[in-house]
Amino acid sequence: AEPDPDTKRKRKIWFGHRDQPLFAFAGIWRPGDDGSFMAFLTCEPNETVGAVHPKAMPVMLDPPDYSRWLGNEHEDACSLARPYADERMTILP
């Protein structure tokens, strides 16, 4: 999106979830000498997010997926790194 001609900033877009109030981003962390280092993971965007951010979107997890992400085998956790379903998302006003 092009920046606003008056403010020179891009308009903020808020995304919401259609059918539940809670979700999480998949993240990783590691300890370091100066504290913990953290990052959230991204994947290819779905159509909803891709219309605004064509390069990537956060990996979104539903509550039933939390234990798979946090405590399962590597391959199972990595299978969650996929675009979130478009029909479950909305752009908020």
PDB file of N, CA and C in Angstrom:
ATOM      1  N   ALA A   1       0.843  -1.192   0.000  1.00  0.00           N
ATOM      2  CA  ALA A   1       0.000   0.000   0.000  1.00  0.00           C
ATOM      3  C   ALA A   1       0.878   1.242   0.000  1.00  0.00           C
ATOM      4  N   GLU A   2       0.391   2.235  -0.668  1.00  0.00           N
ATOM      5  CA  GLU A   2       1.112   3.504  -0.725  1.00  0.00           C
ATOM      6  C   GLU A   2       0.913   4.280   0.575  1.00  0.00           C
ATOM      7  N   PRO A   3       1.924   5.026   1.019  1.00  0.00           N
ATOM      8  CA  PRO A   3       1.771   5.845   2.221  1.00  0.00           C
ATOM      9  C   PRO A   3       0.706   6.928   2.034  1.00  0.00           C
ATOM     10  N   ASP A   4       0.105   7.333   3.140  1.00  0.00           N
ATOM     11  CA  ASP A   4      -0.861   8.433   3.132  1.00  0.00           C
ATOM     12  C   ASP A   4      -0.137   9.692   2.661  1.00  0.00           C
ATOM     13  N   PRO A   5      -0.692  10.445   1.702  1.00  0.00           N
ATOM     14  CA  PRO A   5       0.021  11.618   1.183  1.00  0.00           C
ATOM     15  C   PRO A   5       0.223  12.713   2.228  1.00  0.00           C
ATOM     16  N   ASP A   6      -0.642  12.782   3.240  1.00  0.00           N
ATOM     17  CA  ASP A   6      -0.499  13.813   4.274  1.00  0.00           C
ATOM     18  C   ASP A   6       0.487  13.405   5.365  1.00  0.00           C
ATOM     19  N   THR A   7       0.331  12.186   5.883  1.00  0.00           N
ATOM     20  CA  THR A   7       1.174  11.756   7.007  1.00  0.00           C
ATOM     21  C   THR A   7       2.465  11.089   6.562  1.00  0.00           C
ATOM     22  N   LYS A   8       2.515  10.642   5.298  1.00  0.00           N
ATOM     23  CA  LYS A   8       3.659   9.910   4.738  1.00  0.00           C
ATOM     24  C   LYS A   8       3.827   8.531   5.377  1.00  0.00           C
ATOM     25  N   ARG A   9       2.806   8.070   6.100  1.00  0.00           N
ATOM     26  CA  ARG A   9       2.859   6.753   6.732  1.00  0.00           C
ATOM     27  C   ARG A   9       1.856   5.823   6.070  1.00  0.00           C
ATOM     28  N   LYS A  10       2.164   4.534   6.121  1.00  0.00           N
ATOM     29  CA  LYS A  10       1.211   3.552   5.620  1.00  0.00           C
ATOM     30  C   LYS A  10       0.070   3.408   6.619  1.00  0.00           C
ATOM     31  N   ARG A  11      -1.136   3.176   6.093  1.00  0.00           N
ATOM     32  CA  ARG A  11      -2.299   2.991   6.941  1.00  0.00           C
ATOM     33  C   ARG A  11      -2.178   1.690   7.725  1.00  0.00           C
ATOM     34  N   LYS A  12      -2.522   1.709   9.008  1.00  0.00           N
ATOM     35  CA  LYS A  12      -2.477   0.509   9.836  1.00  0.00           C
ATOM     36  C   LYS A  12      -3.698  -0.351   9.522  1.00  0.00           C
ATOM     37  N   ILE A  13      -3.446  -1.629   9.333  1.00  0.00           N
ATOM     38  CA  ILE A  13      -4.501  -2.590   9.046  1.00  0.00           C
ATOM     39  C   ILE A  13      -4.554  -3.578  10.208  1.00  0.00           C
ATOM     40  N   TRP A  14      -5.751  -3.795  10.742  1.00  0.00           N
ATOM     41  CA  TRP A  14      -5.946  -4.746  11.833  1.00  0.00           C
ATOM     42  C   TRP A  14      -6.683  -5.964  11.290  1.00  0.00           C
ATOM     43  N   PHE A  15      -6.168  -7.125  11.600  1.00  0.00           N
ATOM     44  CA  PHE A  15      -6.787  -8.378  11.203  1.00  0.00           C
ATOM     45  C   PHE A  15      -7.456  -8.995  12.420  1.00  0.00           C
ATOM     46  N   GLY A  16      -8.576  -9.642  12.194  1.00  0.00           N
ATOM     47  CA  GLY A  16      -9.291 -10.300  13.275  1.00  0.00           C
ATOM     48  C   GLY A  16      -9.616 -11.734  12.925  1.00  0.00           C
ATOM     49  N   HIS A  17     -10.096 -12.435  13.922  1.00  0.00           N
ATOM     50  CA  HIS A  17     -10.486 -13.825  13.782  1.00  0.00           C
ATOM     51  C   HIS A  17     -12.002 -13.890  13.755  1.00  0.00           C
ATOM     52  N   ARG A  18     -12.576 -14.585  12.819  1.00  0.00           N
ATOM     53  CA  ARG A  18     -14.036 -14.615  12.656  1.00  0.00           C
ATOM     54  C   ARG A  18     -14.768 -15.379  13.756  1.00  0.00           C
ATOM     55  N   ASP A  19     -14.215 -16.479  14.259  1.00  0.00           N
ATOM     56  CA  ASP A  19     -15.020 -17.341  15.121  1.00  0.00           C
ATOM     57  C   ASP A  19     -14.436 -17.673  16.485  1.00  0.00           C
ATOM     58  N   GLN A  20     -13.379 -17.017  16.880  1.00  0.00           N
ATOM     59  CA  GLN A  20     -12.859 -17.251  18.233  1.00  0.00           C
ATOM     60  C   GLN A  20     -12.056 -16.038  18.685  1.00  0.00           C
ATOM     61  N   PRO A  21     -12.022 -15.789  19.984  1.00  0.00           N
ATOM     62  CA  PRO A  21     -11.331 -14.598  20.480  1.00  0.00           C
ATOM     63  C   PRO A  21      -9.829 -14.784  20.697  1.00  0.00           C
ATOM     64  N   LEU A  22      -9.324 -16.016  20.626  1.00  0.00           N
ATOM     65  CA  LEU A  22      -7.950 -16.266  21.023  1.00  0.00           C
ATOM     66  C   LEU A  22      -7.199 -17.068  19.974  1.00  0.00           C
ATOM     67  N   PHE A  23      -5.982 -16.636  19.683  1.00  0.00           N
ATOM     68  CA  PHE A  23      -5.036 -17.398  18.883  1.00  0.00           C
ATOM     69  C   PHE A  23      -3.654 -16.914  19.301  1.00  0.00           C
ATOM     70  N   ALA A  24      -2.626 -17.559  18.813  1.00  0.00           N
ATOM     71  CA  ALA A  24      -1.256 -17.169  19.162  1.00  0.00           C
ATOM     72  C   ALA A  24      -0.386 -17.219  17.914  1.00  0.00           C
ATOM     73  N   PHE A  25       0.745 -16.541  17.967  1.00  0.00           N
ATOM     74  CA  PHE A  25       1.750 -16.653  16.920  1.00  0.00           C
ATOM     75  C   PHE A  25       2.766 -17.709  17.355  1.00  0.00           C
ATOM     76  N   ALA A  26       3.217 -18.519  16.407  1.00  0.00           N
ATOM     77  CA  ALA A  26       4.273 -19.489  16.691  1.00  0.00           C
ATOM     78  C   ALA A  26       5.582 -18.726  16.842  1.00  0.00           C
ATOM     79  N   GLY A  27       6.297 -19.011  17.898  1.00  0.00           N
ATOM     80  CA  GLY A  27       7.557 -18.318  18.127  1.00  0.00           C
ATOM     81  C   GLY A  27       8.639 -19.256  18.615  1.00  0.00           C
ATOM     82  N   ILE A  28       9.844 -18.749  18.582  1.00  0.00           N
ATOM     83  CA  ILE A  28      10.994 -19.487  19.098  1.00  0.00           C
ATOM     84  C   ILE A  28      11.781 -18.550  20.009  1.00  0.00           C
ATOM     85  N   TRP A  29      12.543 -19.138  20.901  1.00  0.00           N
ATOM     86  CA  TRP A  29      13.403 -18.333  21.771  1.00  0.00           C
ATOM     87  C   TRP A  29      14.655 -19.143  22.072  1.00  0.00           C
ATOM     88  N   ARG A  30      15.666 -18.430  22.473  1.00  0.00           N
ATOM     89  CA  ARG A  30      16.905 -19.077  22.932  1.00  0.00           C
ATOM     90  C   ARG A  30      17.545 -18.172  23.959  1.00  0.00           C
ATOM     91  N   PRO A  31      18.222 -18.761  24.920  1.00  0.00           N
ATOM     92  CA  PRO A  31      18.916 -17.937  25.904  1.00  0.00           C
ATOM     93  C   PRO A  31      20.181 -17.339  25.295  1.00  0.00           C
ATOM     94  N   GLY A  32      20.598 -16.209  25.848  1.00  0.00           N
ATOM     95  CA  GLY A  32      21.827 -15.559  25.402  1.00  0.00           C
ATOM     96  C   GLY A  32      22.534 -14.941  26.590  1.00  0.00           C
ATOM     97  N   ASP A  33      23.733 -14.494  26.387  1.00  0.00           N
ATOM     98  CA  ASP A  33      24.507 -13.896  27.473  1.00  0.00           C
ATOM     99  C   ASP A  33      23.850 -12.631  28.023  1.00  0.00           C
ATOM    100  N   ASP A  34      23.170 -11.883  27.169  1.00  0.00           N
ATOM    101  CA  ASP A  34      22.538 -10.627  27.576  1.00  0.00           C
ATOM    102  C   ASP A  34      21.029 -10.751  27.748  1.00  0.00           C
ATOM    103  N   GLY A  35      20.514 -11.966  27.845  1.00  0.00           N
ATOM    104  CA  GLY A  35      19.082 -12.176  27.990  1.00  0.00           C
ATOM    105  C   GLY A  35      18.567 -13.114  26.915  1.00  0.00           C
ATOM    106  N   SER A  36      17.274 -13.271  26.879  1.00  0.00           N
ATOM    107  CA  SER A  36      16.654 -14.170  25.908  1.00  0.00           C
ATOM    108  C   SER A  36      16.475 -13.483  24.564  1.00  0.00           C
ATOM    109  N   PHE A  37      16.546 -14.271  23.511  1.00  0.00           N
ATOM    110  CA  PHE A  37      16.289 -13.806  22.160  1.00  0.00           C
ATOM    111  C   PHE A  37      15.020 -14.492  21.670  1.00  0.00           C
ATOM    112  N   MET A  38      14.109 -13.713  21.094  1.00  0.00           N
ATOM    113  CA  MET A  38      12.827 -14.259  20.657  1.00  0.00           C
ATOM    114  C   MET A  38      12.493 -13.784  19.251  1.00  0.00           C
ATOM    115  N   ALA A  39      11.698 -14.584  18.560  1.00  0.00           N
ATOM    116  CA  ALA A  39      11.198 -14.219  17.235  1.00  0.00           C
ATOM    117  C   ALA A  39       9.922 -14.991  16.978  1.00  0.00           C
ATOM    118  N   PHE A  40       9.031 -14.410  16.173  1.00  0.00           N
ATOM    119  CA  PHE A  40       7.886 -15.202  15.748  1.00  0.00           C
ATOM    120  C   PHE A  40       8.149 -15.671  14.329  1.00  0.00           C
ATOM    121  N   LEU A  41       7.558 -16.796  13.989  1.00  0.00           N
ATOM    122  CA  LEU A  41       7.788 -17.404  12.691  1.00  0.00           C
ATOM    123  C   LEU A  41       6.803 -16.872  11.667  1.00  0.00           C
ATOM    124  N   THR A  42       7.224 -16.859  10.404  1.00  0.00           N
ATOM    125  CA  THR A  42       6.356 -16.419   9.322  1.00  0.00           C
ATOM    126  C   THR A  42       6.255 -17.513   8.262  1.00  0.00           C
ATOM    127  N   CYS A  43       5.261 -17.363   7.419  1.00  0.00           N
ATOM    128  CA  CYS A  43       5.050 -18.284   6.310  1.00  0.00           C
ATOM    129  C   CYS A  43       4.500 -17.480   5.143  1.00  0.00           C
ATOM    130  N   GLU A  44       4.218 -18.155   4.043  1.00  0.00           N
ATOM    131  CA  GLU A  44       3.577 -17.491   2.910  1.00  0.00           C
ATOM    132  C   GLU A  44       2.250 -16.899   3.391  1.00  0.00           C
ATOM    133  N   PRO A  45       1.863 -15.736   2.906  1.00  0.00           N
ATOM    134  CA  PRO A  45       0.587 -15.159   3.352  1.00  0.00           C
ATOM    135  C   PRO A  45      -0.617 -15.834   2.695  1.00  0.00           C
ATOM    136  N   ASN A  46      -1.737 -15.820   3.421  1.00  0.00           N
ATOM    137  CA  ASN A  46      -2.993 -16.225   2.788  1.00  0.00           C
ATOM    138  C   ASN A  46      -3.479 -15.033   1.951  1.00  0.00           C
ATOM    139  N   GLU A  47      -4.619 -15.155   1.293  1.00  0.00           N
ATOM    140  CA  GLU A  47      -5.092 -14.066   0.427  1.00  0.00           C
ATOM    141  C   GLU A  47      -5.444 -12.814   1.230  1.00  0.00           C
ATOM    142  N   THR A  48      -6.034 -12.989   2.408  1.00  0.00           N
ATOM    143  CA  THR A  48      -6.442 -11.847   3.238  1.00  0.00           C
ATOM    144  C   THR A  48      -5.243 -11.005   3.628  1.00  0.00           C
ATOM    145  N   VAL A  49      -4.233 -11.638   4.177  1.00  0.00           N
ATOM    146  CA  VAL A  49      -3.029 -10.915   4.602  1.00  0.00           C
ATOM    147  C   VAL A  49      -2.194 -10.519   3.397  1.00  0.00           C
ATOM    148  N   GLY A  50      -2.113 -11.374   2.396  1.00  0.00           N
ATOM    149  CA  GLY A  50      -1.308 -11.106   1.209  1.00  0.00           C
ATOM    150  C   GLY A  50      -1.729  -9.855   0.459  1.00  0.00           C
ATOM    151  N   ALA A  51      -3.001  -9.475   0.571  1.00  0.00           N
ATOM    152  CA  ALA A  51      -3.458  -8.250  -0.083  1.00  0.00           C
ATOM    153  C   ALA A  51      -2.800  -7.019   0.527  1.00  0.00           C
ATOM    154  N   VAL A  52      -2.342  -7.138   1.776  1.00  0.00           N
ATOM    155  CA  VAL A  52      -1.701  -6.020   2.481  1.00  0.00           C
ATOM    156  C   VAL A  52      -0.204  -6.254   2.623  1.00  0.00           C
ATOM    157  N   HIS A  53       0.173  -7.469   2.967  1.00  0.00           N
ATOM    158  CA  HIS A  53       1.575  -7.847   3.186  1.00  0.00           C
ATOM    159  C   HIS A  53       1.899  -9.031   2.267  1.00  0.00           C
ATOM    160  N   PRO A  54       2.323  -8.782   1.044  1.00  0.00           N
ATOM    161  CA  PRO A  54       2.495  -9.872   0.082  1.00  0.00           C
ATOM    162  C   PRO A  54       3.667 -10.812   0.351  1.00  0.00           C
ATOM    163  N   LYS A  55       4.587 -10.449   1.225  1.00  0.00           N
ATOM    164  CA  LYS A  55       5.766 -11.290   1.435  1.00  0.00           C
ATOM    165  C   LYS A  55       5.567 -12.396   2.460  1.00  0.00           C
ATOM    166  N   ALA A  56       4.882 -12.112   3.563  1.00  0.00           N
ATOM    167  CA  ALA A  56       4.780 -13.111   4.625  1.00  0.00           C
ATOM    168  C   ALA A  56       3.684 -12.741   5.617  1.00  0.00           C
ATOM    169  N   MET A  57       3.308 -13.733   6.438  1.00  0.00           N
ATOM    170  CA  MET A  57       2.388 -13.511   7.550  1.00  0.00           C
ATOM    171  C   MET A  57       2.877 -14.348   8.721  1.00  0.00           C
ATOM    172  N   PRO A  58       2.510 -13.967   9.946  1.00  0.00           N
ATOM    173  CA  PRO A  58       2.892 -14.799  11.089  1.00  0.00           C
ATOM    174  C   PRO A  58       2.218 -16.169  11.016  1.00  0.00           C
ATOM    175  N   VAL A  59       2.876 -17.169  11.551  1.00  0.00           N
ATOM    176  CA  VAL A  59       2.261 -18.482  11.698  1.00  0.00           C
ATOM    177  C   VAL A  59       1.308 -18.384  12.883  1.00  0.00           C
ATOM    178  N   MET A  60       0.009 -18.538  12.607  1.00  0.00           N
ATOM    179  CA  MET A  60      -1.017 -18.401  13.639  1.00  0.00           C
ATOM    180  C   MET A  60      -1.433 -19.777  14.138  1.00  0.00           C
ATOM    181  N   LEU A  61      -1.576 -19.882  15.460  1.00  0.00           N
ATOM    182  CA  LEU A  61      -1.957 -21.145  16.091  1.00  0.00           C
ATOM    183  C   LEU A  61      -3.275 -20.983  16.827  1.00  0.00           C
ATOM    184  N   ASP A  62      -4.157 -21.962  16.694  1.00  0.00           N
ATOM    185  CA  ASP A  62      -5.377 -22.018  17.482  1.00  0.00           C
ATOM    186  C   ASP A  62      -5.075 -22.716  18.807  1.00  0.00           C
ATOM    187  N   PRO A  63      -5.879 -22.498  19.850  1.00  0.00           N
ATOM    188  CA  PRO A  63      -5.614 -23.135  21.147  1.00  0.00           C
ATOM    189  C   PRO A  63      -5.353 -24.646  21.091  1.00  0.00           C
ATOM    190  N   PRO A  64      -6.079 -25.432  20.282  1.00  0.00           N
ATOM    191  CA  PRO A  64      -5.759 -26.870  20.244  1.00  0.00           C
ATOM    192  C   PRO A  64      -4.361 -27.179  19.700  1.00  0.00           C
ATOM    193  N   ASP A  65      -3.757 -26.229  18.988  1.00  0.00           N
ATOM    194  CA  ASP A  65      -2.422 -26.441  18.423  1.00  0.00           C
ATOM    195  C   ASP A  65      -1.295 -26.078  19.377  1.00  0.00           C
ATOM    196  N   TYR A  66      -1.581 -25.403  20.477  1.00  0.00           N
ATOM    197  CA  TYR A  66      -0.519 -24.920  21.371  1.00  0.00           C
ATOM    198  C   TYR A  66       0.361 -26.063  21.856  1.00  0.00           C
ATOM    199  N   SER A  67      -0.240 -27.161  22.311  1.00  0.00           N
ATOM    200  CA  SER A  67       0.577 -28.260  22.837  1.00  0.00           C
ATOM    201  C   SER A  67       1.376 -28.935  21.719  1.00  0.00           C
ATOM    202  N   ARG A  68       0.814 -28.981  20.501  1.00  0.00           N
ATOM    203  CA  ARG A  68       1.581 -29.521  19.379  1.00  0.00           C
ATOM    204  C   ARG A  68       2.803 -28.661  19.106  1.00  0.00           C
ATOM    205  N   TRP A  69       2.645 -27.345  19.172  1.00  0.00           N
ATOM    206  CA  TRP A  69       3.761 -26.440  18.908  1.00  0.00           C
ATOM    207  C   TRP A  69       4.799 -26.521  20.024  1.00  0.00           C
ATOM    208  N   LEU A  70       4.357 -26.553  21.261  1.00  0.00           N
ATOM    209  CA  LEU A  70       5.267 -26.464  22.398  1.00  0.00           C
ATOM    210  C   LEU A  70       5.899 -27.781  22.816  1.00  0.00           C
ATOM    211  N   GLY A  71       5.234 -28.900  22.552  1.00  0.00           N
ATOM    212  CA  GLY A  71       5.762 -30.110  23.144  1.00  0.00           C
ATOM    213  C   GLY A  71       5.849 -31.332  22.266  1.00  0.00           C
ATOM    214  N   ASN A  72       5.710 -31.191  20.976  1.00  0.00           N
ATOM    215  CA  ASN A  72       5.721 -32.362  20.115  1.00  0.00           C
ATOM    216  C   ASN A  72       7.015 -32.477  19.330  1.00  0.00           C
ATOM    217  N   GLU A  73       7.051 -33.511  18.547  1.00  0.00           N
ATOM    218  CA  GLU A  73       8.207 -33.749  17.701  1.00  0.00           C
ATOM    219  C   GLU A  73       8.389 -32.608  16.695  1.00  0.00           C
ATOM    220  N   HIS A  74       9.600 -32.404  16.269  1.00  0.00           N
ATOM    221  CA  HIS A  74       9.961 -31.329  15.344  1.00  0.00           C
ATOM    222  C   HIS A  74       9.090 -31.320  14.089  1.00  0.00           C
ATOM    223  N   GLU A  75       8.926 -32.479  13.454  1.00  0.00           N
ATOM    224  CA  GLU A  75       8.168 -32.547  12.201  1.00  0.00           C
ATOM    225  C   GLU A  75       6.715 -32.153  12.420  1.00  0.00           C
ATOM    226  N   ASP A  76       6.114 -32.597  13.532  1.00  0.00           N
ATOM    227  CA  ASP A  76       4.722 -32.267  13.808  1.00  0.00           C
ATOM    228  C   ASP A  76       4.570 -30.774  14.074  1.00  0.00           C
ATOM    229  N   ALA A  77       5.471 -30.211  14.853  1.00  0.00           N
ATOM    230  CA  ALA A  77       5.412 -28.772  15.126  1.00  0.00           C
ATOM    231  C   ALA A  77       5.599 -27.984  13.826  1.00  0.00           C
ATOM    232  N   CYS A  78       6.530 -28.375  12.995  1.00  0.00           N
ATOM    233  CA  CYS A  78       6.787 -27.658  11.739  1.00  0.00           C
ATOM    234  C   CYS A  78       5.610 -27.760  10.772  1.00  0.00           C
ATOM    235  N   SER A  79       4.788 -28.790  10.895  1.00  0.00           N
ATOM    236  CA  SER A  79       3.629 -28.906  10.010  1.00  0.00           C
ATOM    237  C   SER A  79       2.608 -27.805  10.280  1.00  0.00           C
ATOM    238  N   LEU A  80       2.701 -27.123  11.409  1.00  0.00           N
ATOM    239  CA  LEU A  80       1.806 -26.013  11.733  1.00  0.00           C
ATOM    240  C   LEU A  80       2.207 -24.714  11.030  1.00  0.00           C
ATOM    241  N   ALA A  81       3.393 -24.678  10.452  1.00  0.00           N
ATOM    242  CA  ALA A  81       3.893 -23.467   9.782  1.00  0.00           C
ATOM    243  C   ALA A  81       3.310 -23.383   8.379  1.00  0.00           C
ATOM    244  N   ARG A  82       2.069 -22.903   8.314  1.00  0.00           N
ATOM    245  CA  ARG A  82       1.351 -22.799   7.049  1.00  0.00           C
ATOM    246  C   ARG A  82       0.444 -21.571   7.093  1.00  0.00           C
ATOM    247  N   PRO A  83       0.017 -21.069   5.944  1.00  0.00           N
ATOM    248  CA  PRO A  83      -0.895 -19.927   5.952  1.00  0.00           C
ATOM    249  C   PRO A  83      -2.196 -20.275   6.681  1.00  0.00           C
ATOM    250  N   TYR A  84      -2.688 -19.323   7.445  1.00  0.00           N
ATOM    251  CA  TYR A  84      -3.933 -19.514   8.178  1.00  0.00           C
ATOM    252  C   TYR A  84      -5.105 -19.451   7.203  1.00  0.00           C
ATOM    253  N   ALA A  85      -6.173 -20.160   7.501  1.00  0.00           N
ATOM    254  CA  ALA A  85      -7.325 -20.233   6.599  1.00  0.00           C
ATOM    255  C   ALA A  85      -7.970 -18.853   6.402  1.00  0.00           C
ATOM    256  N   ASP A  86      -8.089 -18.435   5.149  1.00  0.00           N
ATOM    257  CA  ASP A  86      -8.707 -17.135   4.826  1.00  0.00           C
ATOM    258  C   ASP A  86     -10.107 -16.992   5.397  1.00  0.00           C
ATOM    259  N   GLU A  87     -10.896 -18.040   5.304  1.00  0.00           N
ATOM    260  CA  GLU A  87     -12.279 -17.935   5.744  1.00  0.00           C
ATOM    261  C   GLU A  87     -12.422 -17.737   7.257  1.00  0.00           C
ATOM    262  N   ARG A  88     -11.343 -17.893   7.988  1.00  0.00           N
ATOM    263  CA  ARG A  88     -11.383 -17.686   9.436  1.00  0.00           C
ATOM    264  C   ARG A  88     -10.890 -16.309   9.850  1.00  0.00           C
ATOM    265  N   MET A  89     -10.448 -15.504   8.875  1.00  0.00           N
ATOM    266  CA  MET A  89      -9.914 -14.177   9.175  1.00  0.00           C
ATOM    267  C   MET A  89     -10.772 -13.077   8.576  1.00  0.00           C
ATOM    268  N   THR A  90     -10.637 -11.884   9.128  1.00  0.00           N
ATOM    269  CA  THR A  90     -11.322 -10.714   8.598  1.00  0.00           C
ATOM    270  C   THR A  90     -10.437  -9.487   8.801  1.00  0.00           C
ATOM    271  N   ILE A  91     -10.654  -8.477   7.986  1.00  0.00           N
ATOM    272  CA  ILE A  91      -9.977  -7.194   8.194  1.00  0.00           C
ATOM    273  C   ILE A  91     -10.933  -6.330   8.986  1.00  0.00           C
ATOM    274  N   LEU A  92     -10.461  -5.804  10.109  1.00  0.00           N
ATOM    275  CA  LEU A  92     -11.289  -4.996  10.993  1.00  0.00           C
ATOM    276  C   LEU A  92     -11.307  -3.530  10.542  1.00  0.00           C
ATOM    277  N   PRO A  93     -12.420  -2.850  10.826  1.00  0.00           N
ATOM    278  CA  PRO A  93     -12.491  -1.422  10.444  1.00  0.00           C
ATOM    279  C   PRO A  93     -11.560  -0.559  11.297  1.00  0.00           C
TER     280      PRO A  93
END
